[in-house]
Every structure is written in structure tokens, then in C-alpha cells.
Amino acid sequence: MVVRLLHRAGLRSAHLHLASLATIGLCVTLWVRAKTVDQEQRGNAERRALFVGLWPPTMWLIGDSLESASDLVG
């Protein structure tokens, strides 16, 4: 149901796969930036990087689901 809504909204598997790769870059950027902040803020910055690091597999799998749905839709 959600995949059909995303497909109707115009999202395609390539969009989600590219977003997945982009979030990997964002995670690495946040992780590197976390090393430059002071000790008081470092823990929060590292947690933010790890949180963003959880997004790529989810987006990639949604992209795979959209690819399967587009095969069914035509």
C-alpha cells in the first residue's frame, strides 16, 4: 500500500537508491564533523551521525520495493 502511494507520487527506485547513497555521504560528513566539535557536544554529534547511518538500508530496500512494484504496474 505504501509502495503504491510512493509510486503514484512519482518516486522511482532510482530516486531512493540515490538518496540511500547520499545519506551514506551525509553520515560520513557528520561523523567527521563530530571529531571537530568540543568534547561536550561530541557525544550528541556522534549519535546524530549514527542515526543518519541507519537510513541507507531502509531507503535502499524501499527502492527495491518500488522497482518490484513498477514491474507489476507496468
C-alpha atoms as a PDB file:
ATOM      1  CA  MET A   1       0.000   0.000   0.000  1.00  0.00           C
ATOM      2  CA  VAL A   2       2.739   2.471   0.941  1.00  0.00           C
ATOM      3  CA  VAL A   3       4.809   1.429  -2.064  1.00  0.00           C
ATOM      4  CA  ARG A   4       1.845   2.062  -4.363  1.00  0.00           C
ATOM      5  CA  LEU A   5       1.380   5.522  -2.882  1.00  0.00           C
ATOM      6  CA  LEU A   6       5.050   6.327  -3.374  1.00  0.00           C
ATOM      7  CA  HIS A   7       4.879   5.057  -6.946  1.00  0.00           C
ATOM      8  CA  ARG A   8       1.796   7.171  -7.672  1.00  0.00           C
ATOM      9  CA  ALA A   9       3.543  10.183  -6.142  1.00  0.00           C
ATOM     10  CA  GLY A  10       6.239   9.848  -8.786  1.00  0.00           C
ATOM     11  CA  LEU A  11       9.045   8.304  -6.754  1.00  0.00           C
ATOM     12  CA  ARG A  12      11.033   5.667  -8.579  1.00  0.00           C
ATOM     13  CA  SER A  13      13.569   3.156  -7.364  1.00  0.00           C
ATOM     14  CA  ALA A  14      16.482   5.200  -8.718  1.00  0.00           C
ATOM     15  CA  HIS A  15      15.409   8.151  -6.556  1.00  0.00           C
ATOM     16  CA  LEU A  16      15.527   6.072  -3.383  1.00  0.00           C
ATOM     17  CA  HIS A  17      18.785   4.359  -4.346  1.00  0.00           C
ATOM     18  CA  LEU A  18      20.441   7.737  -4.941  1.00  0.00           C
ATOM     19  CA  ALA A  19      19.036   9.041  -1.653  1.00  0.00           C
ATOM     20  CA  SER A  20      20.467   5.991   0.077  1.00  0.00           C
ATOM     21  CA  LEU A  21      23.927   6.720  -1.316  1.00  0.00           C
ATOM     22  CA  ALA A  22      23.569  10.393  -0.382  1.00  0.00           C
ATOM     23  CA  THR A  23      22.763   9.528   3.227  1.00  0.00           C
ATOM     24  CA  ILE A  24      25.962   7.485   3.408  1.00  0.00           C
ATOM     25  CA  GLY A  25      27.841  10.624   2.432  1.00  0.00           C
ATOM     26  CA  LEU A  26      25.862  12.638   4.969  1.00  0.00           C
ATOM     27  CA  CYS A  27      26.676  10.124   7.695  1.00  0.00           C
ATOM     28  CA  VAL A  28      30.394  10.270   6.932  1.00  0.00           C
ATOM     29  CA  THR A  29      30.270  14.077   6.866  1.00  0.00           C
ATOM     30  CA  LEU A  30      28.505  14.204  10.225  1.00  0.00           C
ATOM     31  CA  TRP A  31      30.967  11.698  11.690  1.00  0.00           C
ATOM     32  CA  VAL A  32      33.982  13.725  10.542  1.00  0.00           C
ATOM     33  CA  ARG A  33      32.353  16.907  11.810  1.00  0.00           C
ATOM     34  CA  ALA A  34      31.758  15.241  15.175  1.00  0.00           C
ATOM     35  CA  LYS A  35      35.512  14.905  15.583  1.00  0.00           C
ATOM     36  CA  THR A  36      35.945  18.683  15.228  1.00  0.00           C
ATOM     37  CA  VAL A  37      33.490  19.812  17.921  1.00  0.00           C
ATOM     38  CA  ASP A  38      34.383  20.162  21.575  1.00  0.00           C
ATOM     39  CA  GLN A  39      34.086  17.273  23.986  1.00  0.00           C
ATOM     40  CA  GLU A  40      30.750  18.415  25.470  1.00  0.00           C
ATOM     41  CA  GLN A  41      28.971  18.262  22.118  1.00  0.00           C
ATOM     42  CA  ARG A  42      30.845  15.296  20.642  1.00  0.00           C
ATOM     43  CA  GLY A  43      28.528  12.606  22.015  1.00  0.00           C
ATOM     44  CA  ASN A  44      25.443  14.245  20.559  1.00  0.00           C
ATOM     45  CA  ALA A  45      27.156  14.774  17.199  1.00  0.00           C
ATOM     46  CA  GLU A  46      28.268  11.123  17.059  1.00  0.00           C
ATOM     47  CA  ARG A  47      24.756   9.925  17.913  1.00  0.00           C
ATOM     48  CA  ARG A  48      23.379  12.091  15.109  1.00  0.00           C
ATOM     49  CA  ALA A  49      25.844  10.534  12.647  1.00  0.00           C
ATOM     50  CA  LEU A  50      24.914   7.016  13.771  1.00  0.00           C
ATOM     51  CA  PHE A  51      21.198   7.811  13.484  1.00  0.00           C
ATOM     52  CA  VAL A  52      21.639   9.030   9.911  1.00  0.00           C
ATOM     53  CA  GLY A  53      23.742   5.924   9.261  1.00  0.00           C
ATOM     54  CA  LEU A  54      20.646   3.792   9.831  1.00  0.00           C
ATOM     55  CA  TRP A  55      18.790   5.372   6.899  1.00  0.00           C
ATOM     56  CA  PRO A  56      20.622   3.935   3.850  1.00  0.00           C
ATOM     57  CA  PRO A  57      19.484   0.299   4.157  1.00  0.00           C
ATOM     58  CA  THR A  58      15.896   1.388   4.697  1.00  0.00           C
ATOM     59  CA  MET A  59      15.897   3.668   1.666  1.00  0.00           C
ATOM     60  CA  TRP A  60      17.615   1.038  -0.465  1.00  0.00           C
ATOM     61  CA  LEU A  61      15.004  -1.588   0.435  1.00  0.00           C
ATOM     62  CA  ILE A  62      12.141   0.814  -0.255  1.00  0.00           C
ATOM     63  CA  GLY A  63      13.778   1.486  -3.631  1.00  0.00           C
ATOM     64  CA  ASP A  64      13.890  -2.250  -4.295  1.00  0.00           C
ATOM     65  CA  SER A  65      10.214  -2.494  -3.377  1.00  0.00           C
ATOM     66  CA  LEU A  66       9.401   0.336  -5.780  1.00  0.00           C
ATOM     67  CA  GLU A  67      11.324  -1.467  -8.503  1.00  0.00           C
ATOM     68  CA  SER A  68       9.276  -4.607  -7.906  1.00  0.00           C
ATOM     69  CA  ALA A  69       6.063  -2.582  -7.842  1.00  0.00           C
ATOM     70  CA  SER A  70       6.892  -0.860 -11.125  1.00  0.00           C
ATOM     71  CA  ASP A  71       7.356  -4.291 -12.706  1.00  0.00           C
ATOM     72  CA  LEU A  72       3.871  -5.239 -11.528  1.00  0.00           C
ATOM     73  CA  VAL A  73       2.250  -1.950 -12.544  1.00  0.00           C
ATOM     74  CA  GLY A  74       3.783  -1.981 -15.969  1.00  0.00           C
END
